[in-house]
C-alpha atoms as a PDB file:
ATOM      1  CA  MET A   1      28.635  60.164 -98.482  1.00  0.00           C
ATOM      2  CA  ILE A   2      26.611  61.288 -95.483  1.00  0.00           C
ATOM      3  CA  LEU A   3      24.671  64.546 -95.624  1.00  0.00           C
ATOM      4  CA  GLY A   4      26.747  65.692 -98.593  1.00  0.00           C
ATOM      5  CA  ILE A   5      30.099  65.043 -96.892  1.00  0.00           C
ATOM      6  CA  ALA A   6      32.377  62.525 -98.556  1.00  0.00           C
ATOM      7  CA  ILE A   7      33.812  60.146 -95.954  1.00  0.00           C
ATOM      8  CA  THR A   8      37.528  59.485 -96.437  1.00  0.00           C
ATOM      9  CA  VAL A   9      39.938  57.078 -94.765  1.00  0.00           C
ATOM     10  CA  PRO A  10      41.847  59.858 -92.889  1.00  0.00           C
ATOM     11  CA  MET A  11      38.578  61.033 -91.333  1.00  0.00           C
ATOM     12  CA  VAL A  12      37.891  57.559 -89.920  1.00  0.00           C
ATOM     13  CA  VAL A  13      41.507  57.182 -88.733  1.00  0.00           C
ATOM     14  CA  ILE A  14      41.402  60.548 -86.941  1.00  0.00           C
ATOM     15  CA  GLY A  15      38.125  59.495 -85.310  1.00  0.00           C
ATOM     16  CA  GLY A  16      39.717  56.267 -84.087  1.00  0.00           C
ATOM     17  CA  LEU A  17      42.745  58.065 -82.698  1.00  0.00           C
ATOM     18  CA  THR A  18      40.482  60.556 -80.928  1.00  0.00           C
ATOM     19  CA  LEU A  19      38.534  57.688 -79.385  1.00  0.00           C
ATOM     20  CA  PHE A  20      41.763  56.066 -78.232  1.00  0.00           C
ATOM     21  CA  GLY A  21      42.901  59.339 -76.630  1.00  0.00           C
ATOM     22  CA  LEU A  22      39.581  59.698 -74.821  1.00  0.00           C
ATOM     23  CA  LEU A  23      39.790  56.092 -73.655  1.00  0.00           C
ATOM     24  CA  VAL A  24      43.245  56.709 -72.153  1.00  0.00           C
ATOM     25  CA  PHE A  25      41.959  59.901 -70.509  1.00  0.00           C
ATOM     26  CA  GLN A  26      38.971  57.972 -69.128  1.00  0.00           C
ATOM     27  CA  LEU A  27      41.327  55.366 -67.679  1.00  0.00           C
ATOM     28  CA  LEU A  28      43.513  58.022 -66.047  1.00  0.00           C
ATOM     29  CA  VAL A  29      40.504  59.766 -64.501  1.00  0.00           C
ATOM     30  CA  GLY A  30      39.124  56.434 -63.287  1.00  0.00           C
ATOM     31  CA  LEU A  31      42.439  55.550 -61.633  1.00  0.00           C
ATOM     32  CA  ARG A  32      42.496  59.028 -60.050  1.00  0.00           C
ATOM     33  CA  ILE A  33      45.789  59.916 -61.739  1.00  0.00           C
ATOM     34  CA  VAL A  34      44.087  62.932 -63.335  1.00  0.00           C
ATOM     35  CA  LYS A  35      41.925  64.696 -60.754  1.00  0.00           C
ATOM     36  CA  PHE A  36      39.250  67.358 -60.991  1.00  0.00           C
ATOM     37  CA  GLY A  37      38.674  67.868 -57.294  1.00  0.00           C
ATOM     38  CA  ARG A  38      35.054  67.358 -56.338  1.00  0.00           C
ATOM     39  CA  ARG A  39      34.036  67.033 -60.017  1.00  0.00           C
ATOM     40  CA  THR A  40      36.108  63.925 -60.782  1.00  0.00           C
ATOM     41  CA  PHE A  41      33.079  61.622 -60.898  1.00  0.00           C
ATOM     42  CA  LYS A  42      31.140  63.992 -63.167  1.00  0.00           C
ATOM     43  CA  ALA A  43      34.122  64.306 -65.508  1.00  0.00           C
ATOM     44  CA  HIS A  44      34.451  60.519 -65.586  1.00  0.00           C
ATOM     45  CA  LYS A  45      30.742  60.152 -66.344  1.00  0.00           C
ATOM     46  CA  TRP A  46      30.654  62.752 -69.135  1.00  0.00           C
ATOM     47  CA  VAL A  47      33.816  61.472 -70.802  1.00  0.00           C
ATOM     48  CA  GLY A  48      32.174  58.040 -70.779  1.00  0.00           C
ATOM     49  CA  VAL A  49      29.054  59.458 -72.443  1.00  0.00           C
ATOM     50  CA  GLY A  50      31.239  61.177 -75.032  1.00  0.00           C
ATOM     51  CA  LEU A  51      33.066  57.916 -75.703  1.00  0.00           C
ATOM     52  CA  VAL A  52      29.809  56.088 -76.393  1.00  0.00           C
ATOM     53  CA  VAL A  53      28.513  58.803 -78.728  1.00  0.00           C
ATOM     54  CA  LEU A  54      31.801  59.132 -80.634  1.00  0.00           C
ATOM     55  CA  ALA A  55      32.142  55.350 -80.923  1.00  0.00           C
ATOM     56  CA  ALA A  56      28.675  55.161 -82.483  1.00  0.00           C
ATOM     57  CA  VAL A  57      29.510  57.946 -84.952  1.00  0.00           C
ATOM     58  CA  HIS A  58      32.879  56.342 -85.714  1.00  0.00           C
ATOM     59  CA  GLY A  59      31.191  53.008 -86.421  1.00  0.00           C
ATOM     60  CA  LEU A  60      28.574  54.627 -88.650  1.00  0.00           C
ATOM     61  CA  LEU A  61      31.199  56.517 -90.654  1.00  0.00           C
ATOM     62  CA  GLY A  62      33.376  53.427 -90.975  1.00  0.00           C
ATOM     63  CA  ALA A  63      30.430  51.362 -92.204  1.00  0.00           C
ATOM     64  CA  ALA A  64      29.477  54.105 -94.672  1.00  0.00           C
ATOM     65  CA  LEU A  65      33.040  54.135 -96.009  1.00  0.00           C
ATOM     66  CA  VAL A  66      33.385  50.369 -96.364  1.00  0.00           C
ATOM     67  CA  LEU A  67      29.872  49.631 -97.613  1.00  0.00           C
ATOM     68  CA  GLY A  68      29.553  52.727 -99.784  1.00  0.00           C
ATOM     69  CA  TRP A  69      26.371  53.978 -98.130  1.00  0.00           C
ATOM     70  CA  ARG A  70      24.906  57.218 -99.435  1.00  0.00           C
ATOM     71  CA  ILE A  71      22.688  58.900 -96.855  1.00  0.00           C
ATOM     72  CA  LEU A  72      20.957  61.966 -98.247  1.00  0.00           C
END
Protein backbone atom coordinates (compact mmCIF):
# COMPACT_ATOMS: atom_id res chain seq x y z
CA MET A 1 0.00 0.00 0.00
CA ILE A 2 1.44 3.35 -1.04
CA LEU A 3 -0.26 6.56 0.05
CA GLY A 4 -3.44 4.64 0.84
CA ILE A 5 -3.64 2.94 -2.56
CA ALA A 6 -3.50 -0.84 -2.58
CA ILE A 7 -1.10 -2.04 -5.27
CA THR A 8 -2.47 -4.98 -7.27
CA VAL A 9 -0.92 -7.24 -9.89
CA PRO A 10 -3.01 -5.78 -12.79
CA MET A 11 -1.73 -2.29 -11.94
CA VAL A 12 1.89 -3.44 -12.26
CA VAL A 13 1.13 -5.36 -15.48
CA ILE A 14 -0.56 -2.33 -17.05
CA GLY A 15 2.46 -0.23 -16.06
CA GLY A 16 4.79 -2.71 -17.75
CA LEU A 17 2.72 -2.79 -20.92
CA THR A 18 2.65 1.01 -20.99
CA LEU A 19 6.43 1.09 -20.65
CA PHE A 20 6.77 -1.41 -23.48
CA GLY A 21 4.51 0.72 -25.71
CA LEU A 22 6.56 3.83 -24.94
CA LEU A 23 9.77 1.93 -25.66
CA VAL A 24 8.46 0.89 -29.09
CA PHE A 25 7.36 4.47 -29.76
CA GLN A 26 10.81 5.72 -28.70
CA LEU A 27 12.43 3.27 -31.11
CA LEU A 28 10.19 4.37 -33.99
CA VAL A 29 10.92 8.05 -33.34
CA GLY A 30 14.64 7.33 -33.08
CA LEU A 31 14.62 5.48 -36.41
CA ARG A 32 12.68 8.39 -37.94
CA ILE A 33 9.75 6.15 -38.88
CA VAL A 34 7.45 8.39 -36.82
CA LYS A 35 8.26 12.04 -37.51
CA PHE A 36 7.30 15.28 -35.82
CA GLY A 37 8.90 17.66 -38.28
CA ARG A 38 11.34 20.01 -36.61
CA ARG A 39 10.32 18.74 -33.14
CA THR A 40 11.42 15.13 -33.65
CA PHE A 41 14.47 15.47 -31.40
CA LYS A 42 12.46 17.14 -28.62
CA ALA A 43 9.80 14.42 -28.82
CA HIS A 44 12.52 11.76 -28.65
CA LYS A 45 14.09 13.47 -25.64
CA TRP A 46 10.83 13.90 -23.69
CA VAL A 47 9.63 10.37 -24.38
CA GLY A 48 13.00 9.20 -23.04
CA VAL A 49 12.52 11.27 -19.88
CA GLY A 50 9.03 9.82 -19.49
CA LEU A 51 10.40 6.31 -19.89
CA VAL A 52 12.92 6.83 -17.10
CA VAL A 53 10.32 8.29 -14.72
CA LEU A 54 7.72 5.60 -15.45
CA ALA A 55 10.33 2.84 -15.13
CA ALA A 56 11.28 4.14 -11.69
CA VAL A 57 7.63 4.27 -10.60
CA HIS A 58 7.01 0.81 -12.08
CA GLY A 59 9.97 -0.60 -10.17
CA LEU A 60 8.86 1.02 -6.92
CA LEU A 61 5.31 -0.31 -7.27
CA GLY A 62 6.56 -3.78 -8.18
CA ALA A 63 8.87 -3.84 -5.17
CA ALA A 64 6.04 -2.64 -2.91
CA LEU A 65 3.81 -5.43 -4.22
CA VAL A 66 6.38 -8.21 -3.86
CA LEU A 67 7.91 -7.09 -0.57
CA GLY A 68 4.67 -5.91 1.01
CA TRP A 69 5.90 -2.39 1.73
CA ARG A 70 3.46 -0.02 3.39
CA ILE A 71 4.36 3.61 2.74
CA LEU A 72 2.14 6.00 4.66
